[in-house]
PDB file of N, CA and C in Angstrom:
ATOM      1  N   MET A   1      51.239  38.108 105.976  1.00  0.00           N
ATOM      2  CA  MET A   1      50.223  37.115 105.684  1.00  0.00           C
ATOM      3  C   MET A   1      50.404  36.663 104.229  1.00  0.00           C
ATOM      4  N   PRO A   2      50.663  35.383 104.028  1.00  0.00           N
ATOM      5  CA  PRO A   2      50.891  34.892 102.668  1.00  0.00           C
ATOM      6  C   PRO A   2      49.588  34.862 101.860  1.00  0.00           C
ATOM      7  N   LEU A   3      49.773  34.930 100.531  1.00  0.00           N
ATOM      8  CA  LEU A   3      48.620  34.879  99.632  1.00  0.00           C
ATOM      9  C   LEU A   3      48.128  33.445  99.476  1.00  0.00           C
ATOM     10  N   SER A   4      46.834  33.315  99.279  1.00  0.00           N
ATOM     11  CA  SER A   4      46.280  31.987  99.027  1.00  0.00           C
ATOM     12  C   SER A   4      46.619  31.579  97.591  1.00  0.00           C
ATOM     13  N   GLU A   5      46.394  30.320  97.263  1.00  0.00           N
ATOM     14  CA  GLU A   5      46.683  29.837  95.911  1.00  0.00           C
ATOM     15  C   GLU A   5      45.861  30.591  94.872  1.00  0.00           C
ATOM     16  N   HIS A   6      44.604  30.835  95.183  1.00  0.00           N
ATOM     17  CA  HIS A   6      43.738  31.561  94.252  1.00  0.00           C
ATOM     18  C   HIS A   6      44.266  32.976  94.013  1.00  0.00           C
ATOM     19  N   GLU A   7      44.705  33.645  95.078  1.00  0.00           N
ATOM     20  CA  GLU A   7      45.243  35.006  94.947  1.00  0.00           C
ATOM     21  C   GLU A   7      46.552  35.005  94.167  1.00  0.00           C
ATOM     22  N   GLN A   8      47.381  33.984  94.378  1.00  0.00           N
ATOM     23  CA  GLN A   8      48.636  33.882  93.631  1.00  0.00           C
ATOM     24  C   GLN A   8      48.374  33.680  92.145  1.00  0.00           C
ATOM     25  N   LYS A   9      47.379  32.853  91.813  1.00  0.00           N
ATOM     26  CA  LYS A   9      47.036  32.637  90.407  1.00  0.00           C
ATOM     27  C   LYS A   9      46.496  33.909  89.770  1.00  0.00           C
ATOM     28  N   MET A  10      45.653  34.630  90.510  1.00  0.00           N
ATOM     29  CA  MET A  10      45.115  35.882  89.978  1.00  0.00           C
ATOM     30  C   MET A  10      46.225  36.910  89.766  1.00  0.00           C
ATOM     31  N   LEU A  11      47.162  36.972  90.703  1.00  0.00           N
ATOM     32  CA  LEU A  11      48.281  37.895  90.564  1.00  0.00           C
ATOM     33  C   LEU A  11      49.146  37.530  89.356  1.00  0.00           C
ATOM     34  N   ALA A  12      49.399  36.243  89.159  1.00  0.00           N
ATOM     35  CA  ALA A  12      50.180  35.805  88.002  1.00  0.00           C
ATOM     36  C   ALA A  12      49.466  36.150  86.700  1.00  0.00           C
ATOM     37  N   GLN A  13      48.133  35.972  86.666  1.00  0.00           N
ATOM     38  CA  GLN A  13      47.373  36.322  85.469  1.00  0.00           C
ATOM     39  C   GLN A  13      47.417  37.825  85.207  1.00  0.00           C
ATOM     40  N   MET A  14      47.337  38.608  86.257  1.00  0.00           N
ATOM     41  CA  MET A  14      47.409  40.066  86.081  1.00  0.00           C
ATOM     42  C   MET A  14      48.789  40.483  85.571  1.00  0.00           C
ATOM     43  N   GLU A  15      49.854  39.850  86.066  1.00  0.00           N
ATOM     44  CA  GLU A  15      51.207  40.148  85.593  1.00  0.00           C
ATOM     45  C   GLU A  15      51.353  39.794  84.116  1.00  0.00           C
ATOM     46  N   GLN A  16      50.824  38.632  83.718  1.00  0.00           N
ATOM     47  CA  GLN A  16      50.901  38.226  82.309  1.00  0.00           C
ATOM     48  C   GLN A  16      50.114  39.184  81.427  1.00  0.00           C
ATOM     49  N   ALA A  17      48.951  39.606  81.883  1.00  0.00           N
ATOM     50  CA  ALA A  17      48.140  40.536  81.101  1.00  0.00           C
ATOM     51  C   ALA A  17      48.851  41.877  80.965  1.00  0.00           C
ATOM     52  N   LEU A  18      49.485  42.335  82.024  1.00  0.00           N
ATOM     53  CA  LEU A  18      50.228  43.586  81.970  1.00  0.00           C
ATOM     54  C   LEU A  18      51.405  43.477  81.011  1.00  0.00           C
ATOM     55  N   ALA A  19      52.122  42.359  81.071  1.00  0.00           N
ATOM     56  CA  ALA A  19      53.269  42.170  80.182  1.00  0.00           C
ATOM     57  C   ALA A  19      52.826  42.117  78.724  1.00  0.00           C
ATOM     58  N   ALA A  20      51.666  41.519  78.462  1.00  0.00           N
ATOM     59  CA  ALA A  20      51.171  41.449  77.088  1.00  0.00           C
ATOM     60  C   ALA A  20      50.650  42.800  76.617  1.00  0.00           C
ATOM     61  N   GLU A  21      50.031  43.550  77.527  1.00  0.00           N
ATOM     62  CA  GLU A  21      49.420  44.827  77.165  1.00  0.00           C
ATOM     63  C   GLU A  21      50.459  45.938  77.035  1.00  0.00           C
ATOM     64  N   ASP A  22      51.403  46.003  77.961  1.00  0.00           N
ATOM     65  CA  ASP A  22      52.412  47.064  77.952  1.00  0.00           C
ATOM     66  C   ASP A  22      53.771  46.470  78.301  1.00  0.00           C
ATOM     67  N   PRO A  23      54.462  45.861  77.320  1.00  0.00           N
ATOM     68  CA  PRO A  23      55.730  45.206  77.626  1.00  0.00           C
ATOM     69  C   PRO A  23      56.813  46.174  78.107  1.00  0.00           C
ATOM     70  N   GLY A  24      56.760  47.428  77.653  1.00  0.00           N
ATOM     71  CA  GLY A  24      57.751  48.407  78.090  1.00  0.00           C
ATOM     72  C   GLY A  24      57.660  48.676  79.575  1.00  0.00           C
ATOM     73  N   PHE A  25      56.439  48.866  80.055  1.00  0.00           N
ATOM     74  CA  PHE A  25      56.235  49.105  81.483  1.00  0.00           C
ATOM     75  C   PHE A  25      56.627  47.878  82.303  1.00  0.00           C
ATOM     76  N   ALA A  26      56.264  46.704  81.804  1.00  0.00           N
ATOM     77  CA  ALA A  26      56.595  45.480  82.540  1.00  0.00           C
ATOM     78  C   ALA A  26      58.101  45.290  82.642  1.00  0.00           C
ATOM     79  N   SER A  27      58.829  45.571  81.562  1.00  0.00           N
ATOM     80  CA  SER A  27      60.281  45.422  81.617  1.00  0.00           C
ATOM     81  C   SER A  27      60.904  46.493  82.498  1.00  0.00           C
ATOM     82  N   GLN A  28      60.291  47.684  82.553  1.00  0.00           N
ATOM     83  CA  GLN A  28      60.792  48.738  83.419  1.00  0.00           C
ATOM     84  C   GLN A  28      60.628  48.330  84.888  1.00  0.00           C
ATOM     85  N   MET A  29      59.549  47.645  85.199  1.00  0.00           N
ATOM     86  CA  MET A  29      59.341  47.219  86.576  1.00  0.00           C
ATOM     87  C   MET A  29      60.331  46.130  86.975  1.00  0.00           C
ATOM     88  N   LYS A  30      60.819  45.371  86.028  1.00  0.00           N
ATOM     89  CA  LYS A  30      61.818  44.346  86.320  1.00  0.00           C
ATOM     90  C   LYS A  30      63.227  44.902  86.211  1.00  0.00           C
ATOM     91  N   GLY A  31      63.387  46.201  85.956  1.00  0.00           N
ATOM     92  CA  GLY A  31      64.679  46.800  85.667  1.00  0.00           C
ATOM     93  C   GLY A  31      65.561  47.064  86.866  1.00  0.00           C
ATOM     94  N   SER A  32      65.083  46.883  88.081  1.00  0.00           N
ATOM     95  CA  SER A  32      65.914  47.170  89.247  1.00  0.00           C
ATOM     96  C   SER A  32      67.109  46.230  89.314  1.00  0.00           C
ATOM     97  N   HIS A  33      66.955  45.014  88.848  1.00  0.00           N
ATOM     98  CA  HIS A  33      68.074  44.069  88.824  1.00  0.00           C
ATOM     99  C   HIS A  33      69.140  44.556  87.859  1.00  0.00           C
ATOM    100  N   SER A  34      68.730  45.060  86.693  1.00  0.00           N
ATOM    101  CA  SER A  34      69.716  45.506  85.718  1.00  0.00           C
ATOM    102  C   SER A  34      70.466  46.738  86.213  1.00  0.00           C
ATOM    103  N   ARG A  35      69.808  47.606  86.979  1.00  0.00           N
ATOM    104  CA  ARG A  35      70.509  48.761  87.545  1.00  0.00           C
ATOM    105  C   ARG A  35      71.547  48.313  88.563  1.00  0.00           C
ATOM    106  N   ALA A  36      71.223  47.294  89.350  1.00  0.00           N
ATOM    107  CA  ALA A  36      72.179  46.787  90.333  1.00  0.00           C
ATOM    108  C   ALA A  36      73.386  46.166  89.631  1.00  0.00           C
ATOM    109  N   VAL A  37      73.138  45.459  88.537  1.00  0.00           N
ATOM    110  CA  VAL A  37      74.234  44.857  87.776  1.00  0.00           C
ATOM    111  C   VAL A  37      75.113  45.951  87.176  1.00  0.00           C
ATOM    112  N   ALA A  38      74.496  46.997  86.629  1.00  0.00           N
ATOM    113  CA  ALA A  38      75.261  48.094  86.036  1.00  0.00           C
ATOM    114  C   ALA A  38      76.085  48.805  87.111  1.00  0.00           C
ATOM    115  N   ARG A  39      75.496  49.043  88.270  1.00  0.00           N
ATOM    116  CA  ARG A  39      76.220  49.693  89.358  1.00  0.00           C
ATOM    117  C   ARG A  39      77.416  48.851  89.784  1.00  0.00           C
ATOM    118  N   ARG A  40      77.236  47.540  89.883  1.00  0.00           N
ATOM    119  CA  ARG A  40      78.328  46.645  90.259  1.00  0.00           C
ATOM    120  C   ARG A  40      79.437  46.682  89.212  1.00  0.00           C
ATOM    121  N   ARG A  41      79.060  46.738  87.928  1.00  0.00           N
ATOM    122  CA  ARG A  41      80.068  46.810  86.868  1.00  0.00           C
ATOM    123  C   ARG A  41      80.858  48.113  86.951  1.00  0.00           C
ATOM    124  N   TYR A  42      80.181  49.231  87.250  1.00  0.00           N
ATOM    125  CA  TYR A  42      80.878  50.510  87.402  1.00  0.00           C
ATOM    126  C   TYR A  42      81.896  50.452  88.539  1.00  0.00           C
ATOM    127  N   ILE A  43      81.491  49.875  89.655  1.00  0.00           N
ATOM    128  CA  ILE A  43      82.373  49.819  90.815  1.00  0.00           C
ATOM    129  C   ILE A  43      83.585  48.937  90.525  1.00  0.00           C
ATOM    130  N   ILE A  44      83.358  47.765  89.939  1.00  0.00           N
ATOM    131  CA  ILE A  44      84.473  46.868  89.614  1.00  0.00           C
ATOM    132  C   ILE A  44      85.391  47.523  88.587  1.00  0.00           C
ATOM    133  N   GLY A  45      84.804  48.202  87.602  1.00  0.00           N
ATOM    134  CA  GLY A  45      85.621  48.899  86.608  1.00  0.00           C
ATOM    135  C   GLY A  45      86.459  50.003  87.230  1.00  0.00           C
ATOM    136  N   ALA A  46      85.868  50.780  88.154  1.00  0.00           N
ATOM    137  CA  ALA A  46      86.611  51.856  88.810  1.00  0.00           C
ATOM    138  C   ALA A  46      87.755  51.297  89.652  1.00  0.00           C
ATOM    139  N   VAL A  47      87.506  50.199  90.350  1.00  0.00           N
ATOM    140  CA  VAL A  47      88.569  49.567  91.136  1.00  0.00           C
ATOM    141  C   VAL A  47      89.679  49.075  90.209  1.00  0.00           C
ATOM    142  N   GLY A  48      89.314  48.522  89.065  1.00  0.00           N
ATOM    143  CA  GLY A  48      90.311  48.073  88.094  1.00  0.00           C
ATOM    144  C   GLY A  48      91.146  49.227  87.557  1.00  0.00           C
ATOM    145  N   VAL A  49      90.493  50.354  87.279  1.00  0.00           N
ATOM    146  CA  VAL A  49      91.226  51.524  86.789  1.00  0.00           C
ATOM    147  C   VAL A  49      92.198  52.029  87.856  1.00  0.00           C
ATOM    148  N   LEU A  50      91.736  52.108  89.104  1.00  0.00           N
ATOM    149  CA  LEU A  50      92.611  52.578  90.181  1.00  0.00           C
ATOM    150  C   LEU A  50      93.772  51.616  90.436  1.00  0.00           C
ATOM    151  N   LEU A  51      93.485  50.315  90.390  1.00  0.00           N
ATOM    152  CA  LEU A  51      94.545  49.321  90.564  1.00  0.00           C
ATOM    153  C   LEU A  51      95.556  49.427  89.423  1.00  0.00           C
ATOM    154  N   GLY A  52      95.057  49.573  88.199  1.00  0.00           N
ATOM    155  CA  GLY A  52      95.958  49.719  87.057  1.00  0.00           C
ATOM    156  C   GLY A  52      96.795  50.978  87.141  1.00  0.00           C
ATOM    157  N   LEU A  53      96.189  52.073  87.574  1.00  0.00           N
ATOM    158  CA  LEU A  53      96.935  53.323  87.730  1.00  0.00           C
ATOM    159  C   LEU A  53      98.024  53.166  88.781  1.00  0.00           C
ATOM    160  N   GLY A  54      97.692  52.471  89.862  1.00  0.00           N
ATOM    161  CA  GLY A  54      98.706  52.196  90.887  1.00  0.00           C
ATOM    162  C   GLY A  54      99.852  51.377  90.328  1.00  0.00           C
ATOM    163  N   LEU A  55      99.532  50.379  89.513  1.00  0.00           N
ATOM    164  CA  LEU A  55     100.591  49.568  88.913  1.00  0.00           C
ATOM    165  C   LEU A  55     101.435  50.381  87.932  1.00  0.00           C
ATOM    166  N   VAL A  56     100.800  51.295  87.212  1.00  0.00           N
ATOM    167  CA  VAL A  56     101.564  52.158  86.300  1.00  0.00           C
ATOM    168  C   VAL A  56     102.549  53.006  87.104  1.00  0.00           C
ATOM    169  N   LEU A  57     102.105  53.567  88.208  1.00  0.00           N
ATOM    170  CA  LEU A  57     102.991  54.389  89.030  1.00  0.00           C
ATOM    171  C   LEU A  57     104.128  53.567  89.638  1.00  0.00           C
ATOM    172  N   VAL A  58     103.818  52.344  90.064  1.00  0.00           N
ATOM    173  CA  VAL A  58     104.868  51.455  90.572  1.00  0.00           C
ATOM    174  C   VAL A  58     105.822  51.083  89.438  1.00  0.00           C
ATOM    175  N   GLY A  59     105.272  50.882  88.248  1.00  0.00           N
ATOM    176  CA  GLY A  59     106.102  50.520  87.102  1.00  0.00           C
ATOM    177  C   GLY A  59     107.048  51.626  86.681  1.00  0.00           C
ATOM    178  N   VAL A  60     106.670  52.871  86.916  1.00  0.00           N
ATOM    179  CA  VAL A  60     107.565  53.983  86.593  1.00  0.00           C
ATOM    180  C   VAL A  60     108.824  53.907  87.463  1.00  0.00           C
ATOM    181  N   ASN A  61     108.649  53.497  88.702  1.00  0.00           N
ATOM    182  CA  ASN A  61     109.789  53.429  89.628  1.00  0.00           C
ATOM    183  C   ASN A  61     110.553  52.123  89.538  1.00  0.00           C
ATOM    184  N   THR A  62     109.943  51.063  88.997  1.00  0.00           N
ATOM    185  CA  THR A  62     110.637  49.763  88.971  1.00  0.00           C
ATOM    186  C   THR A  62     110.970  49.386  87.531  1.00  0.00           C
ATOM    187  N   THR A  63     110.144  48.557  86.920  1.00  0.00           N
ATOM    188  CA  THR A  63     110.445  48.092  85.559  1.00  0.00           C
ATOM    189  C   THR A  63     109.306  48.445  84.608  1.00  0.00           C
ATOM    190  N   LEU A  64     109.616  48.393  83.354  1.00  0.00           N
ATOM    191  CA  LEU A  64     108.655  48.732  82.316  1.00  0.00           C
ATOM    192  C   LEU A  64     107.485  47.743  82.297  1.00  0.00           C
ATOM    193  N   TRP A  65     107.756  46.467  82.575  1.00  0.00           N
ATOM    194  CA  TRP A  65     106.719  45.447  82.475  1.00  0.00           C
ATOM    195  C   TRP A  65     105.605  45.653  83.489  1.00  0.00           C
ATOM    196  N   VAL A  66     105.939  46.121  84.655  1.00  0.00           N
ATOM    197  CA  VAL A  66     104.915  46.388  85.668  1.00  0.00           C
ATOM    198  C   VAL A  66     104.028  47.539  85.202  1.00  0.00           C
ATOM    199  N   GLY A  67     104.632  48.547  84.583  1.00  0.00           N
ATOM    200  CA  GLY A  67     103.861  49.666  84.049  1.00  0.00           C
ATOM    201  C   GLY A  67     102.944  49.247  82.922  1.00  0.00           C
ATOM    202  N   VAL A  68     103.458  48.375  82.030  1.00  0.00           N
ATOM    203  CA  VAL A  68     102.634  47.880  80.927  1.00  0.00           C
ATOM    204  C   VAL A  68     101.472  47.049  81.470  1.00  0.00           C
ATOM    205  N   LEU A  69     101.753  46.208  82.448  1.00  0.00           N
ATOM    206  CA  LEU A  69     100.689  45.411  83.074  1.00  0.00           C
ATOM    207  C   LEU A  69      99.650  46.326  83.724  1.00  0.00           C
ATOM    208  N   GLY A  70     100.102  47.379  84.369  1.00  0.00           N
ATOM    209  CA  GLY A  70      99.176  48.327  84.980  1.00  0.00           C
ATOM    210  C   GLY A  70      98.304  49.016  83.948  1.00  0.00           C
ATOM    211  N   PHE A  71      98.890  49.371  82.804  1.00  0.00           N
ATOM    212  CA  PHE A  71      98.113  50.001  81.743  1.00  0.00           C
ATOM    213  C   PHE A  71      97.057  49.036  81.205  1.00  0.00           C
ATOM    214  N   VAL A  72      97.422  47.784  81.025  1.00  0.00           N
ATOM    215  CA  VAL A  72      96.474  46.781  80.538  1.00  0.00           C
ATOM    216  C   VAL A  72      95.337  46.597  81.538  1.00  0.00           C
ATOM    217  N   VAL A  73      95.656  46.533  82.823  1.00  0.00           N
ATOM    218  CA  VAL A  73      94.626  46.379  83.853  1.00  0.00           C
ATOM    219  C   VAL A  73      93.723  47.606  83.868  1.00  0.00           C
ATOM    220  N   MET A  74      94.308  48.794  83.691  1.00  0.00           N
ATOM    221  CA  MET A  74      93.524  50.019  83.700  1.00  0.00           C
ATOM    222  C   MET A  74      92.556  50.058  82.517  1.00  0.00           C
ATOM    223  N   VAL A  75      93.013  49.718  81.330  1.00  0.00           N
ATOM    224  CA  VAL A  75      92.153  49.718  80.145  1.00  0.00           C
ATOM    225  C   VAL A  75      91.076  48.637  80.269  1.00  0.00           C
ATOM    226  N   ALA A  76      91.443  47.470  80.773  1.00  0.00           N
ATOM    227  CA  ALA A  76      90.460  46.394  80.937  1.00  0.00           C
ATOM    228  C   ALA A  76      89.394  46.788  81.962  1.00  0.00           C
ATOM    229  N   GLY A  77      89.797  47.437  83.041  1.00  0.00           N
ATOM    230  CA  GLY A  77      88.823  47.881  84.044  1.00  0.00           C
ATOM    231  C   GLY A  77      87.869  48.918  83.472  1.00  0.00           C
ATOM    232  N   ALA A  78      88.396  49.850  82.680  1.00  0.00           N
ATOM    233  CA  ALA A  78      87.537  50.867  82.063  1.00  0.00           C
ATOM    234  C   ALA A  78      86.584  50.226  81.062  1.00  0.00           C
ATOM    235  N   ALA A  79      87.092  49.302  80.266  1.00  0.00           N
ATOM    236  CA  ALA A  79      86.237  48.639  79.281  1.00  0.00           C
ATOM    237  C   ALA A  79      85.151  47.824  79.963  1.00  0.00           C
ATOM    238  N   TYR A  80      85.496  47.126  81.035  1.00  0.00           N
ATOM    239  CA  TYR A  80      84.501  46.324  81.754  1.00  0.00           C
ATOM    240  C   TYR A  80      83.435  47.206  82.383  1.00  0.00           C
ATOM    241  N   GLY A  81      83.853  48.320  82.955  1.00  0.00           N
ATOM    242  CA  GLY A  81      82.897  49.192  83.639  1.00  0.00           C
ATOM    243  C   GLY A  81      81.974  49.940  82.694  1.00  0.00           C
ATOM    244  N   LEU A  82      82.436  50.225  81.480  1.00  0.00           N
ATOM    245  CA  LEU A  82      81.651  51.045  80.566  1.00  0.00           C
ATOM    246  C   LEU A  82      80.827  50.258  79.552  1.00  0.00           C
ATOM    247  N   THR A  83      81.110  48.988  79.375  1.00  0.00           N
ATOM    248  CA  THR A  83      80.319  48.204  78.433  1.00  0.00           C
ATOM    249  C   THR A  83      79.110  47.606  79.143  1.00  0.00           C
ATOM    250  N   PRO A  84      77.964  47.571  78.470  1.00  0.00           N
ATOM    251  CA  PRO A  84      76.776  46.989  79.104  1.00  0.00           C
ATOM    252  C   PRO A  84      76.907  45.470  79.180  1.00  0.00           C
ATOM    253  N   PRO A  85      76.267  44.866  80.180  1.00  0.00           N
ATOM    254  CA  PRO A  85      76.331  43.404  80.289  1.00  0.00           C
ATOM    255  C   PRO A  85      75.611  42.748  79.121  1.00  0.00           C
ATOM    256  N   ARG A  86      76.021  41.561  78.792  1.00  0.00           N
ATOM    257  CA  ARG A  86      75.366  40.820  77.715  1.00  0.00           C
ATOM    258  C   ARG A  86      73.974  40.416  78.142  1.00  0.00           C
ATOM    259  N   LYS A  87      73.066  40.506  77.198  1.00  0.00           N
ATOM    260  CA  LYS A  87      71.700  40.076  77.463  1.00  0.00           C
ATOM    261  C   LYS A  87      71.564  38.622  77.040  1.00  0.00           C
ATOM    262  N   PRO A  88      70.697  37.866  77.714  1.00  0.00           N
ATOM    263  CA  PRO A  88      70.506  36.483  77.308  1.00  0.00           C
ATOM    264  C   PRO A  88      69.973  36.410  75.886  1.00  0.00           C
ATOM    265  N   ILE A  89      70.406  35.402  75.173  1.00  0.00           N
ATOM    266  CA  ILE A  89      69.996  35.230  73.790  1.00  0.00           C
ATOM    267  C   ILE A  89      68.570  34.705  73.743  1.00  0.00           C
ATOM    268  N   ASP A  90      67.734  35.369  72.948  1.00  0.00           N
ATOM    269  CA  ASP A  90      66.356  34.935  72.770  1.00  0.00           C
ATOM    270  C   ASP A  90      66.342  33.836  71.709  1.00  0.00           C
ATOM    271  N   LEU A  91      65.898  32.677  72.077  1.00  0.00           N
ATOM    272  CA  LEU A  91      65.897  31.554  71.151  1.00  0.00           C
ATOM    273  C   LEU A  91      64.560  31.390  70.447  1.00  0.00           C
ATOM    274  N   GLY A  92      63.892  32.504  70.209  1.00  0.00           N
ATOM    275  CA  GLY A  92      62.635  32.456  69.477  1.00  0.00           C
ATOM    276  C   GLY A  92      61.458  32.065  70.347  1.00  0.00           C
ATOM    277  N   ALA A  93      61.444  32.534  71.568  1.00  0.00           N
ATOM    278  CA  ALA A  93      60.338  32.218  72.460  1.00  0.00           C
ATOM    279  C   ALA A  93      59.051  32.825  71.926  1.00  0.00           C
ATOM    280  N   VAL A  94      57.965  32.163  72.193  1.00  0.00           N
ATOM    281  CA  VAL A  94      56.672  32.635  71.716  1.00  0.00           C
ATOM    282  C   VAL A  94      56.131  33.629  72.719  1.00  0.00           C
ATOM    283  N   GLY A  95      55.826  34.835  72.244  1.00  0.00           N
ATOM    284  CA  GLY A  95      55.290  35.878  73.106  1.00  0.00           C
ATOM    285  C   GLY A  95      53.803  36.037  72.866  1.00  0.00           C
ATOM    286  N   ALA A  96      53.275  37.203  73.256  1.00  0.00           N
ATOM    287  CA  ALA A  96      51.850  37.463  73.126  1.00  0.00           C
ATOM    288  C   ALA A  96      51.432  37.576  71.669  1.00  0.00           C
ATOM    289  N   GLY A  97      52.340  38.030  70.820  1.00  0.00           N
ATOM    290  CA  GLY A  97      51.997  38.216  69.415  1.00  0.00           C
ATOM    291  C   GLY A  97      52.288  37.001  68.553  1.00  0.00           C
ATOM    292  N   GLY A  98      52.619  35.884  69.138  1.00  0.00           N
ATOM    293  CA  GLY A  98      52.949  34.694  68.372  1.00  0.00           C
ATOM    294  C   GLY A  98      54.461  34.564  68.242  1.00  0.00           C
ATOM    295  N   PRO A  99      54.927  33.578  67.481  1.00  0.00           N
ATOM    296  CA  PRO A  99      56.366  33.380  67.358  1.00  0.00           C
ATOM    297  C   PRO A  99      57.012  34.532  66.590  1.00  0.00           C
ATOM    298  N   ARG A 100      58.227  34.845  66.975  1.00  0.00           N
ATOM    299  CA  ARG A 100      58.955  35.900  66.289  1.00  0.00           C
ATOM    300  C   ARG A 100      59.634  35.334  65.060  1.00  0.00           C
ATOM    301  N   LYS A 101      59.662  36.160  64.027  1.00  0.00           N
ATOM    302  CA  LYS A 101      60.383  35.755  62.830  1.00  0.00           C
ATOM    303  C   LYS A 101      61.766  36.365  62.890  1.00  0.00           C
ATOM    304  N   ARG A 102      62.757  35.561  62.615  1.00  0.00           N
ATOM    305  CA  ARG A 102      64.109  36.077  62.534  1.00  0.00           C
ATOM    306  C   ARG A 102      64.323  36.640  61.145  1.00  0.00           C
ATOM    307  N   PRO A 103      64.886  37.853  61.066  1.00  0.00           N
ATOM    308  CA  PRO A 103      65.106  38.423  59.752  1.00  0.00           C
ATOM    309  C   PRO A 103      66.189  37.647  59.008  1.00  0.00           C
ATOM    310  N   SER A 104      65.956  37.449  57.763  1.00  0.00           N
ATOM    311  CA  SER A 104      66.916  36.749  56.931  1.00  0.00           C
ATOM    312  C   SER A 104      68.095  37.661  56.659  1.00  0.00           C
ATOM    313  N   ARG A 105      69.265  37.085  56.540  1.00  0.00           N
ATOM    314  CA  ARG A 105      70.443  37.893  56.258  1.00  0.00           C
ATOM    315  C   ARG A 105      70.396  38.448  54.836  1.00  0.00           C
ATOM    316  N   ARG A 106      69.568  37.892  54.002  1.00  0.00           N
ATOM    317  CA  ARG A 106      69.481  38.350  52.622  1.00  0.00           C
ATOM    318  C   ARG A 106      68.583  39.572  52.478  1.00  0.00           C
ATOM    319  N   GLN A 107      67.819  39.891  53.524  1.00  0.00           N
ATOM    320  CA  GLN A 107      66.964  41.063  53.457  1.00  0.00           C
ATOM    321  C   GLN A 107      67.829  42.316  53.464  1.00  0.00           C
ATOM    322  N   GLY A 108      67.361  43.319  52.748  1.00  0.00           N
ATOM    323  CA  GLY A 108      68.058  44.586  52.740  1.00  0.00           C
ATOM    324  C   GLY A 108      67.681  45.425  53.944  1.00  0.00           C
ATOM    325  N   LEU A 109      68.374  46.516  54.093  1.00  0.00           N
ATOM    326  CA  LEU A 109      68.127  47.400  55.210  1.00  0.00           C
ATOM    327  C   LEU A 109      66.703  47.939  55.189  1.00  0.00           C
ATOM    328  N   MET A 110      66.229  48.358  54.031  1.00  0.00           N
ATOM    329  CA  MET A 110      64.889  48.922  53.938  1.00  0.00           C
ATOM    330  C   MET A 110      63.816  47.874  54.255  1.00  0.00           C
ATOM    331  N   ASP A 111      64.040  46.632  53.835  1.00  0.00           N
ATOM    332  CA  ASP A 111      63.086  45.565  54.151  1.00  0.00           C
ATOM    333  C   ASP A 111      62.973  45.350  55.658  1.00  0.00           C
ATOM    334  N   ARG A 112      64.125  45.344  56.343  1.00  0.00           N
ATOM    335  CA  ARG A 112      64.106  45.159  57.798  1.00  0.00           C
ATOM    336  C   ARG A 112      63.437  46.334  58.490  1.00  0.00           C
ATOM    337  N   LEU A 113      63.720  47.556  58.018  1.00  0.00           N
ATOM    338  CA  LEU A 113      63.082  48.727  58.616  1.00  0.00           C
ATOM    339  C   LEU A 113      61.578  48.706  58.398  1.00  0.00           C
ATOM    340  N   ASP A 114      61.133  48.312  57.196  1.00  0.00           N
ATOM    341  CA  ASP A 114      59.697  48.201  56.939  1.00  0.00           C
ATOM    342  C   ASP A 114      59.053  47.165  57.846  1.00  0.00           C
ATOM    343  N   GLU A 115      59.731  46.047  58.038  1.00  0.00           N
ATOM    344  CA  GLU A 115      59.190  44.985  58.890  1.00  0.00           C
ATOM    345  C   GLU A 115      59.070  45.462  60.338  1.00  0.00           C
ATOM    346  N   ARG A 116      60.076  46.179  60.821  1.00  0.00           N
ATOM    347  CA  ARG A 116      60.019  46.708  62.181  1.00  0.00           C
ATOM    348  C   ARG A 116      58.894  47.722  62.323  1.00  0.00           C
ATOM    349  N   TRP A 117      58.731  48.568  61.323  1.00  0.00           N
ATOM    350  CA  TRP A 117      57.672  49.579  61.361  1.00  0.00           C
ATOM    351  C   TRP A 117      56.304  48.912  61.433  1.00  0.00           C
ATOM    352  N   GLU A 118      56.096  47.871  60.610  1.00  0.00           N
ATOM    353  CA  GLU A 118      54.818  47.159  60.624  1.00  0.00           C
ATOM    354  C   GLU A 118      54.581  46.490  61.969  1.00  0.00           C
ATOM    355  N   ARG A 119      55.632  45.922  62.558  1.00  0.00           N
ATOM    356  CA  ARG A 119      55.500  45.284  63.865  1.00  0.00           C
ATOM    357  C   ARG A 119      55.092  46.302  64.924  1.00  0.00           C
ATOM    358  N   ARG A 120      55.691  47.480  64.886  1.00  0.00           N
ATOM    359  CA  ARG A 120      55.342  48.518  65.855  1.00  0.00           C
ATOM    360  C   ARG A 120      53.894  48.973  65.663  1.00  0.00           C
ATOM    361  N   GLN A 121      53.473  49.103  64.420  1.00  0.00           N
ATOM    362  CA  GLN A 121      52.100  49.535  64.163  1.00  0.00           C
ATOM    363  C   GLN A 121      51.103  48.483  64.631  1.00  0.00           C
ATOM    364  N   ASN A 122      51.447  47.214  64.489  1.00  0.00           N
ATOM    365  CA  ASN A 122      50.553  46.142  64.925  1.00  0.00           C
ATOM    366  C   ASN A 122      50.498  46.052  66.446  1.00  0.00           C
ATOM    367  N   ASP A 123      51.584  46.420  67.135  1.00  0.00           N
ATOM    368  CA  ASP A 123      51.613  46.365  68.594  1.00  0.00           C
ATOM    369  C   ASP A 123      50.765  47.452  69.216  1.00  0.00           C
ATOM    370  N   HIS A 124      50.577  48.557  68.527  1.00  0.00           N
ATOM    371  CA  HIS A 124      49.824  49.677  69.107  1.00  0.00           C
ATOM    372  C   HIS A 124      48.436  49.683  68.651  1.00  0.00           C
TER     373      HIS A 124
END
């Protein structure tokens, strides 16, 4: 049974309130997609490593170039499987706390750490 328009609006408002109140929990609930992406990357990386290993073994019996190509495929498969996927770039979207300030490159390490600490204290 589908939800009515009023129920859909109430559900959307509850989701927004949850995301504003506890962003960690909200992102965890949306995390099933990221686990599927990570699992897919592991599988593709493992297949790449096995394919590269096969090419290395074939290269031992034939020519050096096939072995080198197999090694490159093996390293690329391992690197692809073990590196996390890129996250979309945040272009300064306005969240619940207002617009985000981008840290200036001229700020020192301690200034950035102080700013992060203050942001965390304000969020809680």
